[in-house]
């Protein structure tokens, strides 16, 4: 059975969807109904689920990790197992590449497309439907002119400003772009400081 855990930490609601040790979806918002709607939309149709009041050890770790990530802390994803088998293969590929973008850097829709395949718009559609925000950090993908672009769809009010705020918290003062190798292809990364302020 798939379990949904939802908890308010400070002024933010966090939700995680788990089955055994696998993460099916995560989300966050200032509004409980919106955060629940977001995770439910991430599940395949007719998937049985239940709301669970008492937190499990894994749900507590995830909720804490999500809060820490939104505060700009560096969180290792290696300890978490994301359930992606129900997602389109292309989405799986894009999200796997995105998960490797470290704190303090952003990449562009175009650079991500160059590494994962497809085009920038296809990457944008995957970002808009990311079922694992903020853990798989779609907030670290910006436009080629380093403007932030959209964020959060209907879930997060004033998404671009929220995205900018998270990125400011993640700024580590890096000055130079870098490239990381992923499956034999180089993914271009740019310091958060490159992101436009407007």
N, C-alpha and C. Protein backbone atom coordinates (compact mmCIF):
# COMPACT_ATOMS: atom_id res chain seq x y z
N UNK A 1 0.85 -1.19 0.00
CA UNK A 1 0.00 0.00 0.00
C UNK A 1 0.88 1.24 0.00
N UNK A 2 0.48 2.21 -0.77
CA UNK A 2 1.20 3.49 -0.82
C UNK A 2 0.68 4.38 0.31
N UNK A 3 1.62 4.94 1.06
CA UNK A 3 1.29 5.77 2.21
C UNK A 3 1.64 7.23 1.92
N UNK A 4 0.74 8.12 2.30
CA UNK A 4 0.99 9.56 2.17
C UNK A 4 1.13 10.15 3.56
N UNK A 5 2.24 10.83 3.76
CA UNK A 5 2.53 11.51 5.02
C UNK A 5 2.55 13.02 4.74
N UNK A 6 1.92 13.77 5.60
CA UNK A 6 1.88 15.21 5.42
C UNK A 6 2.11 15.87 6.78
N UNK A 7 2.99 16.85 6.81
CA UNK A 7 3.30 17.51 8.07
C UNK A 7 3.65 18.97 7.83
N UNK A 8 3.27 19.79 8.80
CA UNK A 8 3.63 21.20 8.75
C UNK A 8 4.86 21.42 9.61
N UNK A 9 5.87 22.02 9.00
CA UNK A 9 7.09 22.39 9.71
C UNK A 9 7.26 23.89 9.53
N UNK A 10 7.26 24.62 10.62
CA UNK A 10 7.24 26.08 10.58
C UNK A 10 6.01 26.52 9.81
N UNK A 11 6.18 27.28 8.74
CA UNK A 11 5.03 27.80 7.98
C UNK A 11 4.77 27.00 6.70
N UNK A 12 5.44 25.88 6.53
CA UNK A 12 5.36 25.14 5.27
C UNK A 12 4.82 23.74 5.49
N UNK A 13 3.95 23.31 4.56
CA UNK A 13 3.46 21.93 4.55
C UNK A 13 4.33 21.10 3.62
N UNK A 14 4.70 19.92 4.08
CA UNK A 14 5.49 18.98 3.29
C UNK A 14 4.71 17.68 3.19
N UNK A 15 4.78 17.06 2.02
CA UNK A 15 4.12 15.77 1.83
C UNK A 15 5.08 14.81 1.15
N UNK A 16 5.05 13.56 1.59
CA UNK A 16 5.84 12.51 0.95
C UNK A 16 4.94 11.30 0.73
N UNK A 17 5.18 10.62 -0.38
CA UNK A 17 4.42 9.41 -0.72
C UNK A 17 5.42 8.26 -0.77
N UNK A 18 5.17 7.25 0.05
CA UNK A 18 6.12 6.14 0.18
C UNK A 18 5.43 4.79 0.02
N UNK A 19 6.18 3.87 -0.53
CA UNK A 19 5.79 2.46 -0.53
C UNK A 19 7.03 1.69 -0.14
N UNK A 20 6.99 1.05 1.02
CA UNK A 20 8.17 0.41 1.59
C UNK A 20 9.27 1.46 1.71
N UNK A 21 10.39 1.26 1.07
CA UNK A 21 11.51 2.21 1.16
C UNK A 21 11.60 3.12 -0.06
N UNK A 22 10.62 3.06 -0.95
CA UNK A 22 10.68 3.83 -2.19
C UNK A 22 9.83 5.09 -2.11
N UNK A 23 10.38 6.17 -2.66
CA UNK A 23 9.70 7.46 -2.70
C UNK A 23 8.95 7.57 -4.02
N UNK A 24 7.65 7.76 -3.95
CA UNK A 24 6.82 7.93 -5.15
C UNK A 24 6.64 9.39 -5.51
N UNK A 25 6.60 10.25 -4.50
CA UNK A 25 6.40 11.68 -4.75
C UNK A 25 6.72 12.48 -3.49
N UNK A 26 7.10 13.73 -3.70
CA UNK A 26 7.30 14.68 -2.61
C UNK A 26 6.80 16.04 -3.09
N UNK A 27 6.40 16.88 -2.17
CA UNK A 27 6.00 18.23 -2.54
C UNK A 27 5.99 19.10 -1.29
N UNK A 28 5.87 20.40 -1.51
CA UNK A 28 5.82 21.35 -0.40
C UNK A 28 5.04 22.58 -0.83
N UNK A 29 4.42 23.24 0.12
CA UNK A 29 3.64 24.45 -0.17
C UNK A 29 3.22 25.08 1.14
N UNK A 30 2.78 26.30 1.10
CA UNK A 30 2.25 26.96 2.30
C UNK A 30 0.84 26.50 2.62
N UNK A 31 0.20 25.80 1.67
CA UNK A 31 -1.20 25.38 1.81
C UNK A 31 -1.29 23.85 1.80
N UNK A 32 -1.92 23.28 2.81
CA UNK A 32 -2.00 21.82 2.93
C UNK A 32 -2.76 21.18 1.76
N UNK A 33 -3.86 21.77 1.35
CA UNK A 33 -4.64 21.18 0.26
C UNK A 33 -3.86 21.14 -1.05
N UNK A 34 -3.13 22.20 -1.33
CA UNK A 34 -2.33 22.24 -2.56
C UNK A 34 -1.21 21.21 -2.54
N UNK A 35 -0.56 21.06 -1.38
CA UNK A 35 0.54 20.09 -1.32
C UNK A 35 0.01 18.67 -1.49
N UNK A 36 -1.15 18.38 -0.92
CA UNK A 36 -1.73 17.04 -1.10
C UNK A 36 -2.18 16.83 -2.55
N UNK A 37 -2.77 17.85 -3.14
CA UNK A 37 -3.17 17.75 -4.55
C UNK A 37 -1.96 17.46 -5.44
N UNK A 38 -0.85 18.12 -5.15
CA UNK A 38 0.37 17.94 -5.94
C UNK A 38 0.86 16.50 -5.90
N UNK A 39 0.95 15.92 -4.70
CA UNK A 39 1.47 14.54 -4.63
C UNK A 39 0.47 13.54 -5.21
N UNK A 40 -0.82 13.79 -5.05
CA UNK A 40 -1.82 12.89 -5.62
C UNK A 40 -1.77 12.91 -7.15
N UNK A 41 -1.52 14.08 -7.74
CA UNK A 41 -1.41 14.17 -9.20
C UNK A 41 -0.18 13.44 -9.72
N UNK A 42 0.80 13.21 -8.87
CA UNK A 42 2.01 12.50 -9.28
C UNK A 42 1.85 10.99 -9.32
N UNK A 43 0.79 10.49 -8.72
CA UNK A 43 0.57 9.04 -8.70
C UNK A 43 -0.14 8.57 -9.97
N UNK A 44 0.16 7.36 -10.42
CA UNK A 44 -0.60 6.80 -11.55
C UNK A 44 -2.08 6.70 -11.19
N UNK A 45 -2.94 6.81 -12.19
CA UNK A 45 -4.39 6.72 -11.97
C UNK A 45 -4.76 5.42 -11.27
N UNK A 46 -5.76 5.51 -10.41
CA UNK A 46 -6.31 4.35 -9.70
C UNK A 46 -5.31 3.64 -8.79
N UNK A 47 -4.28 4.36 -8.35
CA UNK A 47 -3.33 3.78 -7.41
C UNK A 47 -3.93 3.86 -6.01
N UNK A 48 -4.08 2.71 -5.33
CA UNK A 48 -4.61 2.77 -3.97
C UNK A 48 -3.60 3.41 -3.02
N UNK A 49 -4.10 4.25 -2.12
CA UNK A 49 -3.22 4.91 -1.16
C UNK A 49 -3.98 5.12 0.13
N UNK A 50 -3.23 5.45 1.16
CA UNK A 50 -3.84 5.80 2.43
C UNK A 50 -3.05 6.95 3.07
N UNK A 51 -3.78 7.80 3.77
CA UNK A 51 -3.14 8.87 4.54
C UNK A 51 -2.71 8.27 5.87
N UNK A 52 -1.48 8.57 6.28
CA UNK A 52 -0.96 8.04 7.53
C UNK A 52 -0.64 9.20 8.46
N UNK A 53 -1.21 9.16 9.64
CA UNK A 53 -1.02 10.24 10.61
C UNK A 53 0.35 10.19 11.27
N UNK A 54 0.75 9.01 11.72
CA UNK A 54 2.02 8.88 12.45
C UNK A 54 3.18 8.73 11.47
N UNK A 55 4.21 9.54 11.67
CA UNK A 55 5.35 9.51 10.75
C UNK A 55 6.16 8.23 10.92
N UNK A 56 6.67 7.73 9.79
CA UNK A 56 7.61 6.61 9.82
C UNK A 56 9.02 7.19 9.93
N UNK A 57 9.99 6.34 10.17
CA UNK A 57 11.38 6.80 10.25
C UNK A 57 11.81 7.44 8.93
N UNK A 58 11.44 6.81 7.80
CA UNK A 58 11.82 7.34 6.49
C UNK A 58 11.09 8.65 6.19
N UNK A 59 9.81 8.72 6.50
CA UNK A 59 9.08 9.97 6.21
C UNK A 59 9.66 11.13 7.02
N UNK A 60 10.05 10.88 8.25
CA UNK A 60 10.67 11.94 9.06
C UNK A 60 11.99 12.40 8.45
N UNK A 61 12.79 11.44 7.98
CA UNK A 61 14.06 11.80 7.33
C UNK A 61 13.82 12.64 6.08
N UNK A 62 12.81 12.24 5.30
CA UNK A 62 12.50 12.96 4.06
C UNK A 62 11.99 14.37 4.34
N UNK A 63 11.09 14.49 5.28
CA UNK A 63 10.54 15.80 5.61
C UNK A 63 11.65 16.73 6.11
N UNK A 64 12.53 16.19 6.93
CA UNK A 64 13.67 16.99 7.43
C UNK A 64 14.60 17.37 6.30
N UNK A 65 14.86 16.42 5.39
CA UNK A 65 15.74 16.70 4.24
C UNK A 65 15.14 17.76 3.33
N UNK A 66 13.83 17.68 3.08
CA UNK A 66 13.18 18.69 2.23
C UNK A 66 13.28 20.07 2.85
N UNK A 67 13.01 20.17 4.14
CA UNK A 67 13.10 21.46 4.83
C UNK A 67 14.52 22.00 4.75
N UNK A 68 15.50 21.13 5.01
CA UNK A 68 16.90 21.55 4.97
C UNK A 68 17.30 22.00 3.56
N UNK A 69 16.83 21.29 2.55
CA UNK A 69 17.18 21.64 1.17
C UNK A 69 16.63 23.02 0.82
N UNK A 70 15.40 23.29 1.22
CA UNK A 70 14.80 24.59 0.93
C UNK A 70 15.48 25.72 1.71
N UNK A 71 16.19 25.35 2.78
CA UNK A 71 16.97 26.34 3.55
C UNK A 71 18.35 26.54 2.95
N UNK A 72 18.67 25.80 1.87
CA UNK A 72 19.95 25.97 1.19
C UNK A 72 21.02 24.98 1.61
N UNK A 73 20.66 24.00 2.43
CA UNK A 73 21.65 23.03 2.88
C UNK A 73 21.93 21.99 1.79
N UNK A 74 23.10 21.38 1.87
CA UNK A 74 23.48 20.34 0.93
C UNK A 74 22.96 19.00 1.43
N UNK A 75 22.12 18.36 0.65
CA UNK A 75 21.51 17.09 1.03
C UNK A 75 21.96 16.01 0.05
N UNK A 76 22.44 14.90 0.59
CA UNK A 76 22.82 13.77 -0.26
C UNK A 76 21.58 12.97 -0.63
N UNK A 77 21.40 12.73 -1.92
CA UNK A 77 20.25 11.95 -2.39
C UNK A 77 20.56 10.46 -2.42
N UNK A 78 21.81 10.09 -2.21
CA UNK A 78 22.22 8.68 -2.37
C UNK A 78 21.52 7.75 -1.38
N UNK A 79 21.05 8.28 -0.26
CA UNK A 79 20.40 7.44 0.74
C UNK A 79 18.91 7.21 0.44
N UNK A 80 18.39 7.85 -0.59
CA UNK A 80 16.98 7.73 -0.92
C UNK A 80 16.78 6.95 -2.22
N UNK A 81 15.68 6.18 -2.28
CA UNK A 81 15.34 5.41 -3.49
C UNK A 81 14.07 6.01 -4.09
N UNK A 82 14.21 6.54 -5.30
CA UNK A 82 13.07 7.16 -5.99
C UNK A 82 12.40 6.14 -6.91
N UNK A 83 11.10 5.99 -6.78
CA UNK A 83 10.34 5.08 -7.64
C UNK A 83 9.97 5.82 -8.92
N UNK A 84 10.59 5.40 -10.04
CA UNK A 84 10.35 6.09 -11.31
C UNK A 84 9.82 5.18 -12.39
N UNK A 85 9.62 3.91 -12.10
CA UNK A 85 9.23 2.95 -13.14
C UNK A 85 7.94 3.36 -13.85
N UNK A 86 7.04 4.05 -13.17
CA UNK A 86 5.76 4.45 -13.77
C UNK A 86 5.89 5.73 -14.62
N UNK A 87 7.05 6.38 -14.56
CA UNK A 87 7.25 7.61 -15.34
C UNK A 87 7.72 7.28 -16.75
N UNK A 88 7.46 8.15 -17.73
CA UNK A 88 8.00 7.93 -19.07
C UNK A 88 9.53 7.82 -19.02
N UNK A 89 10.09 7.02 -19.90
CA UNK A 89 11.55 6.79 -19.93
C UNK A 89 12.31 8.11 -20.04
N UNK A 90 11.82 9.02 -20.87
CA UNK A 90 12.51 10.30 -21.04
C UNK A 90 12.53 11.07 -19.72
N UNK A 91 11.42 11.09 -19.00
CA UNK A 91 11.38 11.78 -17.70
C UNK A 91 12.37 11.15 -16.74
N UNK A 92 12.44 9.83 -16.73
CA UNK A 92 13.40 9.15 -15.86
C UNK A 92 14.83 9.59 -16.16
N UNK A 93 15.14 9.69 -17.45
CA UNK A 93 16.50 10.06 -17.86
C UNK A 93 16.81 11.50 -17.45
N UNK A 94 15.89 12.42 -17.70
CA UNK A 94 16.10 13.83 -17.35
C UNK A 94 16.25 13.99 -15.84
N UNK A 95 15.39 13.35 -15.08
CA UNK A 95 15.44 13.46 -13.62
C UNK A 95 16.72 12.86 -13.05
N UNK A 96 17.20 11.76 -13.65
CA UNK A 96 18.45 11.15 -13.20
C UNK A 96 19.63 12.10 -13.42
N UNK A 97 19.64 12.80 -14.56
CA UNK A 97 20.71 13.78 -14.81
C UNK A 97 20.57 14.96 -13.86
N UNK A 98 19.37 15.46 -13.70
CA UNK A 98 19.12 16.61 -12.84
C UNK A 98 19.56 16.35 -11.40
N UNK A 99 19.36 15.13 -10.93
CA UNK A 99 19.72 14.79 -9.55
C UNK A 99 21.21 15.00 -9.27
N UNK A 100 22.02 15.09 -10.32
CA UNK A 100 23.47 15.26 -10.16
C UNK A 100 23.92 16.72 -10.12
N UNK A 101 22.99 17.66 -10.29
CA UNK A 101 23.35 19.08 -10.23
C UNK A 101 23.54 19.46 -8.76
N UNK A 102 24.77 19.86 -8.38
CA UNK A 102 25.05 20.09 -6.96
C UNK A 102 24.60 21.47 -6.47
N UNK A 103 24.53 21.58 -5.17
CA UNK A 103 24.23 22.86 -4.52
C UNK A 103 25.26 23.89 -4.95
N UNK A 104 24.81 25.11 -5.20
CA UNK A 104 25.71 26.19 -5.58
C UNK A 104 25.79 26.40 -7.08
N UNK A 105 25.18 25.49 -7.84
CA UNK A 105 25.21 25.57 -9.30
C UNK A 105 23.80 25.45 -9.87
N UNK A 106 23.66 25.97 -11.08
CA UNK A 106 22.45 25.77 -11.87
C UNK A 106 22.88 25.23 -13.23
N UNK A 107 21.94 24.69 -13.94
CA UNK A 107 22.15 24.34 -15.34
C UNK A 107 21.00 24.97 -16.12
N UNK A 108 21.07 24.93 -17.42
CA UNK A 108 20.00 25.51 -18.23
C UNK A 108 19.16 24.38 -18.83
N UNK A 109 17.97 24.75 -19.28
CA UNK A 109 17.11 23.77 -19.94
C UNK A 109 17.84 23.18 -21.14
N UNK A 110 18.55 24.04 -21.89
CA UNK A 110 19.28 23.59 -23.07
C UNK A 110 20.43 22.65 -22.73
N UNK A 111 21.20 22.99 -21.69
CA UNK A 111 22.33 22.14 -21.29
C UNK A 111 21.83 20.79 -20.80
N UNK A 112 20.73 20.80 -20.06
CA UNK A 112 20.16 19.55 -19.57
C UNK A 112 19.66 18.71 -20.74
N UNK A 113 19.06 19.36 -21.73
CA UNK A 113 18.59 18.65 -22.93
C UNK A 113 19.77 18.06 -23.70
N UNK A 114 20.87 18.79 -23.76
CA UNK A 114 22.04 18.31 -24.49
C UNK A 114 22.59 17.03 -23.86
N UNK A 115 22.50 16.93 -22.54
CA UNK A 115 23.01 15.76 -21.84
C UNK A 115 21.99 14.63 -21.80
N UNK A 116 20.72 14.94 -21.58
CA UNK A 116 19.70 13.91 -21.42
C UNK A 116 19.02 13.55 -22.74
N UNK A 117 19.18 14.40 -23.76
CA UNK A 117 18.47 14.19 -25.02
C UNK A 117 17.24 15.08 -25.08
N UNK A 118 16.64 15.15 -26.25
CA UNK A 118 15.46 15.99 -26.43
C UNK A 118 15.83 17.45 -26.56
N UNK A 119 14.83 18.31 -26.41
CA UNK A 119 15.05 19.75 -26.52
C UNK A 119 14.71 20.46 -25.23
N UNK A 120 15.03 21.75 -25.14
CA UNK A 120 14.77 22.52 -23.93
C UNK A 120 13.30 22.51 -23.50
N UNK A 121 12.39 22.57 -24.46
CA UNK A 121 10.96 22.55 -24.09
C UNK A 121 10.54 21.22 -23.48
N UNK A 122 11.10 20.13 -24.03
CA UNK A 122 10.80 18.80 -23.47
C UNK A 122 11.31 18.72 -22.04
N UNK A 123 12.50 19.26 -21.80
CA UNK A 123 13.04 19.29 -20.44
C UNK A 123 12.14 20.14 -19.55
N UNK A 124 11.68 21.27 -20.05
CA UNK A 124 10.78 22.13 -19.29
C UNK A 124 9.51 21.41 -18.86
N UNK A 125 8.97 20.57 -19.75
CA UNK A 125 7.76 19.80 -19.40
C UNK A 125 8.06 18.80 -18.28
N UNK A 126 9.23 18.19 -18.33
CA UNK A 126 9.61 17.25 -17.26
C UNK A 126 9.76 18.02 -15.94
N UNK A 127 10.37 19.21 -16.01
CA UNK A 127 10.54 20.01 -14.79
C UNK A 127 9.17 20.37 -14.20
N UNK A 128 8.24 20.76 -15.05
CA UNK A 128 6.91 21.15 -14.58
C UNK A 128 6.17 20.00 -13.91
N UNK A 129 6.51 18.77 -14.28
CA UNK A 129 5.82 17.60 -13.72
C UNK A 129 6.71 16.84 -12.73
N UNK A 130 7.83 17.41 -12.33
CA UNK A 130 8.76 16.73 -11.41
C UNK A 130 8.03 16.27 -10.16
N UNK A 131 7.91 14.96 -9.93
CA UNK A 131 7.20 14.48 -8.75
C UNK A 131 8.03 14.48 -7.48
N UNK A 132 9.29 14.90 -7.56
CA UNK A 132 10.20 14.77 -6.43
C UNK A 132 10.77 16.11 -5.95
N UNK A 133 10.08 17.21 -6.23
CA UNK A 133 10.56 18.52 -5.77
C UNK A 133 10.46 18.59 -4.25
N UNK A 134 11.39 19.20 -3.58
CA UNK A 134 12.61 19.82 -4.08
C UNK A 134 13.81 18.88 -4.11
N UNK A 135 13.60 17.60 -3.71
CA UNK A 135 14.75 16.70 -3.59
C UNK A 135 15.50 16.52 -4.91
N UNK A 136 14.77 16.25 -6.00
CA UNK A 136 15.40 16.30 -7.32
C UNK A 136 15.16 17.73 -7.78
N UNK A 137 16.25 18.52 -7.80
CA UNK A 137 16.15 19.99 -7.73
C UNK A 137 15.82 20.72 -9.03
N UNK A 138 14.55 20.69 -9.44
CA UNK A 138 14.17 21.43 -10.64
C UNK A 138 14.36 22.93 -10.47
N UNK A 139 14.49 23.40 -9.22
CA UNK A 139 14.76 24.83 -9.00
C UNK A 139 16.15 25.21 -9.49
N UNK A 140 17.01 24.23 -9.78
CA UNK A 140 18.37 24.52 -10.26
C UNK A 140 18.46 24.52 -11.79
N UNK A 141 17.33 24.59 -12.46
CA UNK A 141 17.31 24.68 -13.93
C UNK A 141 16.75 26.04 -14.31
N UNK A 142 17.53 26.79 -15.10
CA UNK A 142 17.15 28.16 -15.48
C UNK A 142 17.20 28.30 -16.99
N UNK A 143 16.72 29.43 -17.47
CA UNK A 143 16.76 29.72 -18.91
C UNK A 143 18.19 30.02 -19.37
N UNK A 144 18.39 29.98 -20.66
CA UNK A 144 19.74 30.20 -21.22
C UNK A 144 20.27 31.60 -20.96
N UNK A 145 19.37 32.57 -20.72
CA UNK A 145 19.82 33.93 -20.39
C UNK A 145 19.99 34.13 -18.88
N UNK A 146 19.88 33.03 -18.14
CA UNK A 146 20.03 32.98 -16.68
C UNK A 146 18.90 33.68 -15.93
N UNK A 147 17.77 33.92 -16.60
CA UNK A 147 16.57 34.31 -15.86
C UNK A 147 16.00 33.00 -15.28
N UNK A 148 15.26 33.10 -14.19
CA UNK A 148 14.88 31.88 -13.48
C UNK A 148 13.84 31.03 -14.20
N UNK A 149 12.97 31.63 -14.99
CA UNK A 149 11.91 30.85 -15.61
C UNK A 149 10.83 30.55 -14.59
N UNK A 150 9.96 29.62 -14.92
CA UNK A 150 8.85 29.29 -14.03
C UNK A 150 9.26 28.34 -12.93
N UNK A 151 8.36 28.19 -11.94
CA UNK A 151 8.61 27.24 -10.88
C UNK A 151 7.33 26.94 -10.13
N UNK A 152 7.02 25.68 -9.98
CA UNK A 152 5.95 25.25 -9.10
C UNK A 152 4.55 25.24 -9.68
N UNK A 153 4.36 25.75 -10.88
CA UNK A 153 3.02 25.71 -11.46
C UNK A 153 2.00 26.31 -10.52
N UNK A 154 0.87 25.62 -10.36
CA UNK A 154 -0.18 26.15 -9.51
C UNK A 154 0.08 25.86 -8.04
N UNK A 155 1.06 25.02 -7.77
CA UNK A 155 1.31 24.64 -6.38
C UNK A 155 1.93 25.79 -5.60
N UNK A 156 2.89 26.47 -6.19
CA UNK A 156 3.62 27.49 -5.46
C UNK A 156 3.27 28.86 -6.01
N UNK A 157 2.65 29.70 -5.18
CA UNK A 157 2.36 31.06 -5.60
C UNK A 157 3.65 31.83 -5.81
N UNK A 158 3.69 32.72 -6.78
CA UNK A 158 4.89 33.50 -7.14
C UNK A 158 6.11 32.60 -7.27
N UNK A 159 5.98 31.59 -8.11
CA UNK A 159 7.04 30.61 -8.32
C UNK A 159 8.40 31.17 -8.65
N UNK A 160 8.51 32.13 -9.60
CA UNK A 160 9.85 32.65 -9.92
C UNK A 160 10.56 33.27 -8.72
N UNK A 161 9.84 34.02 -7.89
CA UNK A 161 10.48 34.62 -6.71
C UNK A 161 10.88 33.53 -5.71
N UNK A 162 10.05 32.52 -5.55
CA UNK A 162 10.37 31.41 -4.65
C UNK A 162 11.63 30.69 -5.14
N UNK A 163 11.70 30.44 -6.43
CA UNK A 163 12.87 29.78 -7.03
C UNK A 163 14.12 30.61 -6.79
N UNK A 164 14.02 31.92 -7.02
CA UNK A 164 15.16 32.82 -6.82
C UNK A 164 15.61 32.79 -5.35
N UNK A 165 14.66 32.78 -4.42
CA UNK A 165 14.98 32.76 -3.00
C UNK A 165 15.73 31.48 -2.62
N UNK A 166 15.27 30.34 -3.12
CA UNK A 166 15.94 29.07 -2.83
C UNK A 166 17.36 29.10 -3.38
N UNK A 167 17.51 29.58 -4.60
CA UNK A 167 18.84 29.64 -5.21
C UNK A 167 19.77 30.58 -4.44
N UNK A 168 19.26 31.69 -3.95
CA UNK A 168 20.09 32.60 -3.17
C UNK A 168 20.60 31.90 -1.91
N UNK A 169 19.75 31.09 -1.30
CA UNK A 169 20.17 30.33 -0.10
C UNK A 169 21.25 29.30 -0.45
N UNK A 170 21.22 28.82 -1.69
CA UNK A 170 22.19 27.80 -2.11
C UNK A 170 23.50 28.38 -2.64
N UNK A 171 23.57 29.69 -2.77
CA UNK A 171 24.77 30.32 -3.32
C UNK A 171 25.97 30.02 -2.43
N UNK A 172 27.00 29.45 -3.01
CA UNK A 172 28.22 29.11 -2.27
C UNK A 172 29.39 30.01 -2.68
N UNK A 173 29.11 31.01 -3.49
CA UNK A 173 30.15 31.95 -3.88
C UNK A 173 31.04 31.45 -5.01
N UNK A 174 30.62 30.39 -5.70
CA UNK A 174 31.42 29.90 -6.83
C UNK A 174 31.44 30.95 -7.92
N UNK A 175 32.55 31.01 -8.65
CA UNK A 175 32.73 32.06 -9.67
C UNK A 175 32.77 31.53 -11.09
N UNK A 176 33.21 30.29 -11.28
CA UNK A 176 33.46 29.77 -12.62
C UNK A 176 32.50 28.62 -12.98
N UNK A 177 32.06 28.57 -14.24
CA UNK A 177 31.27 27.42 -14.70
C UNK A 177 32.15 26.15 -14.65
N UNK A 178 31.50 25.02 -14.51
CA UNK A 178 32.19 23.73 -14.54
C UNK A 178 31.39 22.79 -15.42
N UNK A 179 31.98 21.65 -15.73
CA UNK A 179 31.28 20.58 -16.44
C UNK A 179 31.46 19.30 -15.65
N UNK A 180 30.39 18.50 -15.60
CA UNK A 180 30.50 17.18 -14.98
C UNK A 180 30.13 16.14 -16.02
N UNK A 181 30.81 15.02 -15.96
CA UNK A 181 30.56 13.93 -16.91
C UNK A 181 29.40 13.08 -16.41
N UNK A 182 28.45 12.87 -17.29
CA UNK A 182 27.31 12.00 -17.00
C UNK A 182 27.10 11.12 -18.22
N UNK A 183 27.27 9.83 -18.05
CA UNK A 183 27.09 8.87 -19.15
C UNK A 183 27.86 9.28 -20.40
N UNK A 184 29.10 9.72 -20.22
CA UNK A 184 29.95 10.06 -21.35
C UNK A 184 29.69 11.42 -21.97
N UNK A 185 28.74 12.18 -21.42
CA UNK A 185 28.43 13.52 -21.92
C UNK A 185 28.71 14.53 -20.82
N UNK A 186 29.14 15.72 -21.21
CA UNK A 186 29.43 16.76 -20.22
C UNK A 186 28.20 17.63 -20.00
N UNK A 187 27.80 17.78 -18.74
CA UNK A 187 26.71 18.68 -18.37
C UNK A 187 27.32 19.99 -17.89
N UNK A 188 26.94 21.09 -18.51
CA UNK A 188 27.44 22.41 -18.13
C UNK A 188 26.69 22.92 -16.91
N UNK A 189 27.47 23.36 -15.92
CA UNK A 189 26.92 23.92 -14.68
C UNK A 189 27.46 25.34 -14.51
N UNK A 190 26.64 26.20 -13.94
CA UNK A 190 26.99 27.60 -13.78
C UNK A 190 26.76 28.01 -12.33
N UNK A 191 27.63 28.85 -11.78
CA UNK A 191 27.41 29.30 -10.40
C UNK A 191 26.06 29.98 -10.24
N UNK A 192 25.46 29.81 -9.09
CA UNK A 192 24.18 30.45 -8.79
C UNK A 192 24.28 31.96 -9.00
N UNK A 193 25.46 32.52 -8.76
CA UNK A 193 25.65 33.97 -8.93
C UNK A 193 25.34 34.43 -10.35
N UNK A 194 25.36 33.53 -11.34
CA UNK A 194 25.05 33.89 -12.72
C UNK A 194 23.57 34.20 -12.92
N UNK A 195 22.72 33.71 -12.03
CA UNK A 195 21.26 33.87 -12.19
C UNK A 195 20.91 35.34 -12.07
N UNK A 196 20.13 35.82 -13.03
CA UNK A 196 19.74 37.22 -13.06
C UNK A 196 18.88 37.58 -11.85
N UNK A 197 19.07 38.79 -11.36
CA UNK A 197 18.35 39.25 -10.16
C UNK A 197 16.95 39.77 -10.46
N UNK A 198 16.69 40.15 -11.72
CA UNK A 198 15.38 40.77 -12.02
C UNK A 198 14.25 39.78 -12.01
